[in-house]
């Protein structure tokens, strides 16, 4: 799973792979990060929580929310 931060500020979120441990991530403005979500994963940023299966390959952060590309 690739996540690109399109906001002007950095964002902190949790990536939890299916059956794995949560990892805290800080993604700076305009940066891209890649995470192992082969079995699916859950992303949590503040009050927003989203689950993605292995078919989702790219996400973007816009206005503090995850958006599928």
N, C-alpha and C. Protein backbone atom coordinates (compact mmCIF):
# COMPACT_ATOMS: atom_id res chain seq x y z
N UNK A 1 0.85 -1.18 0.00
CA UNK A 1 0.00 0.00 0.00
C UNK A 1 0.89 1.24 0.00
N UNK A 2 0.63 2.15 -0.91
CA UNK A 2 1.37 3.40 -0.99
C UNK A 2 0.46 4.55 -0.57
N UNK A 3 0.94 5.37 0.35
CA UNK A 3 0.16 6.52 0.83
C UNK A 3 0.95 7.79 0.52
N UNK A 4 0.29 8.75 -0.14
CA UNK A 4 0.90 10.03 -0.46
C UNK A 4 0.17 11.14 0.28
N UNK A 5 0.92 11.97 0.98
CA UNK A 5 0.34 13.09 1.72
C UNK A 5 0.31 14.33 0.82
N UNK A 6 -0.88 14.71 0.38
CA UNK A 6 -1.02 15.89 -0.49
C UNK A 6 -1.32 17.17 0.29
N UNK A 7 -1.39 17.07 1.61
CA UNK A 7 -1.65 18.25 2.43
C UNK A 7 -0.37 19.06 2.65
N UNK A 8 -0.55 20.28 3.16
CA UNK A 8 0.60 21.16 3.42
C UNK A 8 1.23 20.90 4.78
N UNK A 9 0.62 20.02 5.58
CA UNK A 9 1.16 19.69 6.90
C UNK A 9 1.44 18.19 6.98
N UNK A 10 2.28 17.80 7.92
CA UNK A 10 2.54 16.37 8.13
C UNK A 10 1.38 15.76 8.89
N UNK A 11 1.20 14.44 8.74
CA UNK A 11 0.13 13.72 9.43
C UNK A 11 0.71 12.51 10.13
N UNK A 12 0.17 12.19 11.30
CA UNK A 12 0.54 11.00 12.04
C UNK A 12 -0.65 10.04 12.00
N UNK A 13 -0.38 8.78 11.66
CA UNK A 13 -1.45 7.79 11.63
C UNK A 13 -0.91 6.42 12.00
N UNK A 14 -1.81 5.49 12.27
CA UNK A 14 -1.44 4.12 12.61
C UNK A 14 -1.77 3.20 11.45
N UNK A 15 -0.83 2.32 11.12
CA UNK A 15 -1.05 1.28 10.11
C UNK A 15 -1.03 -0.05 10.85
N UNK A 16 -2.12 -0.81 10.75
CA UNK A 16 -2.19 -2.12 11.40
C UNK A 16 -2.47 -3.18 10.34
N UNK A 17 -1.44 -3.95 9.96
CA UNK A 17 -1.65 -5.03 8.99
C UNK A 17 -2.54 -6.11 9.60
N UNK A 18 -3.31 -6.81 8.77
CA UNK A 18 -4.16 -7.90 9.23
C UNK A 18 -3.31 -8.91 9.99
N UNK A 19 -3.62 -9.15 11.26
CA UNK A 19 -2.88 -10.10 12.06
C UNK A 19 -1.54 -9.60 12.55
N UNK A 20 -1.25 -8.30 12.37
CA UNK A 20 0.04 -7.76 12.77
C UNK A 20 -0.10 -6.69 13.84
N UNK A 21 1.02 -6.05 14.15
CA UNK A 21 1.04 -5.00 15.17
C UNK A 21 0.92 -3.63 14.54
N UNK A 22 0.30 -2.71 15.27
CA UNK A 22 0.13 -1.34 14.79
C UNK A 22 1.49 -0.65 14.72
N UNK A 23 1.66 0.15 13.68
CA UNK A 23 2.89 0.91 13.49
C UNK A 23 2.51 2.38 13.36
N UNK A 24 3.13 3.23 14.20
CA UNK A 24 2.86 4.67 14.15
C UNK A 24 3.72 5.27 13.04
N UNK A 25 3.08 6.06 12.18
CA UNK A 25 3.76 6.64 11.02
C UNK A 25 3.57 8.15 11.03
N UNK A 26 4.64 8.88 10.75
CA UNK A 26 4.55 10.32 10.53
C UNK A 26 4.93 10.56 9.08
N UNK A 27 3.98 11.08 8.31
CA UNK A 27 4.22 11.31 6.88
C UNK A 27 4.22 12.82 6.64
N UNK A 28 5.37 13.33 6.21
CA UNK A 28 5.52 14.77 6.00
C UNK A 28 4.74 15.22 4.76
N UNK A 29 4.55 16.52 4.66
CA UNK A 29 3.85 17.10 3.52
C UNK A 29 4.52 16.70 2.21
N UNK A 30 3.70 16.29 1.24
CA UNK A 30 4.13 15.90 -0.11
C UNK A 30 4.99 14.64 -0.13
N UNK A 31 5.09 13.92 1.00
CA UNK A 31 5.88 12.69 1.07
C UNK A 31 5.01 11.48 0.75
N UNK A 32 5.69 10.37 0.40
CA UNK A 32 5.01 9.10 0.09
C UNK A 32 5.63 8.00 0.94
N UNK A 33 4.78 7.13 1.48
CA UNK A 33 5.26 5.99 2.26
C UNK A 33 4.64 4.71 1.73
N UNK A 34 5.36 3.60 1.88
CA UNK A 34 4.88 2.29 1.43
C UNK A 34 4.78 1.36 2.62
N UNK A 35 3.67 0.62 2.72
CA UNK A 35 3.40 -0.23 3.87
C UNK A 35 2.93 -1.59 3.41
N UNK A 36 3.28 -2.64 4.17
CA UNK A 36 2.92 -4.01 3.82
C UNK A 36 1.47 -4.29 4.21
N UNK A 37 0.59 -4.33 3.23
CA UNK A 37 -0.83 -4.62 3.46
C UNK A 37 -1.28 -5.75 2.54
N UNK A 38 -0.41 -6.74 2.34
CA UNK A 38 -0.71 -7.86 1.45
C UNK A 38 -1.98 -8.61 1.86
N UNK A 39 -2.27 -8.65 3.15
CA UNK A 39 -3.45 -9.35 3.65
C UNK A 39 -4.55 -8.37 4.05
N UNK A 40 -4.35 -7.10 3.71
CA UNK A 40 -5.27 -6.06 4.12
C UNK A 40 -4.76 -5.37 5.37
N UNK A 41 -5.28 -4.19 5.65
CA UNK A 41 -4.85 -3.47 6.85
C UNK A 41 -5.86 -2.41 7.23
N UNK A 42 -5.66 -1.88 8.43
CA UNK A 42 -6.50 -0.81 8.95
C UNK A 42 -5.63 0.42 9.14
N UNK A 43 -6.14 1.56 8.71
CA UNK A 43 -5.45 2.82 8.89
C UNK A 43 -6.29 3.69 9.81
N UNK A 44 -5.64 4.34 10.76
CA UNK A 44 -6.36 5.20 11.71
C UNK A 44 -5.62 6.52 11.83
N UNK A 45 -6.37 7.60 11.60
CA UNK A 45 -5.80 8.94 11.73
C UNK A 45 -6.80 9.77 12.52
N UNK A 46 -6.48 10.05 13.77
CA UNK A 46 -7.41 10.76 14.64
C UNK A 46 -8.66 9.92 14.84
N UNK A 47 -9.82 10.51 14.59
CA UNK A 47 -11.08 9.80 14.75
C UNK A 47 -11.45 8.97 13.52
N UNK A 48 -10.70 9.15 12.43
CA UNK A 48 -11.00 8.44 11.19
C UNK A 48 -10.33 7.07 11.17
N UNK A 49 -11.13 6.04 10.89
CA UNK A 49 -10.60 4.68 10.82
C UNK A 49 -11.10 4.06 9.53
N UNK A 50 -10.18 3.47 8.75
CA UNK A 50 -10.54 2.87 7.47
C UNK A 50 -9.87 1.52 7.33
N UNK A 51 -10.59 0.56 6.75
CA UNK A 51 -10.01 -0.75 6.45
C UNK A 51 -9.88 -0.89 4.95
N UNK A 52 -8.75 -1.44 4.52
CA UNK A 52 -8.49 -1.63 3.10
C UNK A 52 -8.04 -3.07 2.88
N UNK A 53 -8.53 -3.66 1.80
CA UNK A 53 -8.09 -5.01 1.49
C UNK A 53 -6.84 -4.95 0.62
N UNK A 54 -6.32 -6.10 0.27
CA UNK A 54 -5.06 -6.17 -0.48
C UNK A 54 -5.20 -5.60 -1.89
N UNK A 55 -6.42 -5.43 -2.39
CA UNK A 55 -6.62 -4.92 -3.75
C UNK A 55 -6.34 -3.43 -3.85
N UNK A 56 -6.42 -2.71 -2.74
CA UNK A 56 -6.16 -1.27 -2.76
C UNK A 56 -4.65 -1.07 -2.72
N UNK A 57 -4.13 -0.37 -3.74
CA UNK A 57 -2.69 -0.19 -3.84
C UNK A 57 -2.23 1.22 -3.51
N UNK A 58 -3.09 2.22 -3.78
CA UNK A 58 -2.67 3.60 -3.59
C UNK A 58 -3.75 4.41 -2.87
N UNK A 59 -3.29 5.19 -1.88
CA UNK A 59 -4.15 6.11 -1.15
C UNK A 59 -3.49 7.48 -1.16
N UNK A 60 -4.31 8.48 -0.95
CA UNK A 60 -3.81 9.83 -0.83
C UNK A 60 -4.40 10.42 0.44
N UNK A 61 -3.69 11.36 1.06
CA UNK A 61 -4.25 12.11 2.19
C UNK A 61 -4.58 13.50 1.66
N UNK A 62 -5.89 13.84 1.73
CA UNK A 62 -6.36 15.15 1.32
C UNK A 62 -7.24 15.70 2.42
N UNK A 63 -6.96 16.90 2.86
CA UNK A 63 -7.72 17.57 3.92
C UNK A 63 -7.82 16.71 5.17
N UNK A 64 -6.73 15.97 5.49
CA UNK A 64 -6.67 15.17 6.71
C UNK A 64 -7.43 13.87 6.64
N UNK A 65 -7.83 13.42 5.43
CA UNK A 65 -8.56 12.17 5.29
C UNK A 65 -7.92 11.28 4.21
N UNK A 66 -8.08 9.96 4.36
CA UNK A 66 -7.59 9.03 3.35
C UNK A 66 -8.55 8.99 2.17
N UNK A 67 -8.01 9.03 0.96
CA UNK A 67 -8.81 8.99 -0.26
C UNK A 67 -8.22 7.93 -1.19
N UNK A 68 -9.06 7.02 -1.69
CA UNK A 68 -8.59 6.02 -2.65
C UNK A 68 -8.30 6.70 -3.99
N UNK A 69 -7.24 6.24 -4.64
CA UNK A 69 -6.90 6.77 -5.97
C UNK A 69 -7.40 5.87 -7.05
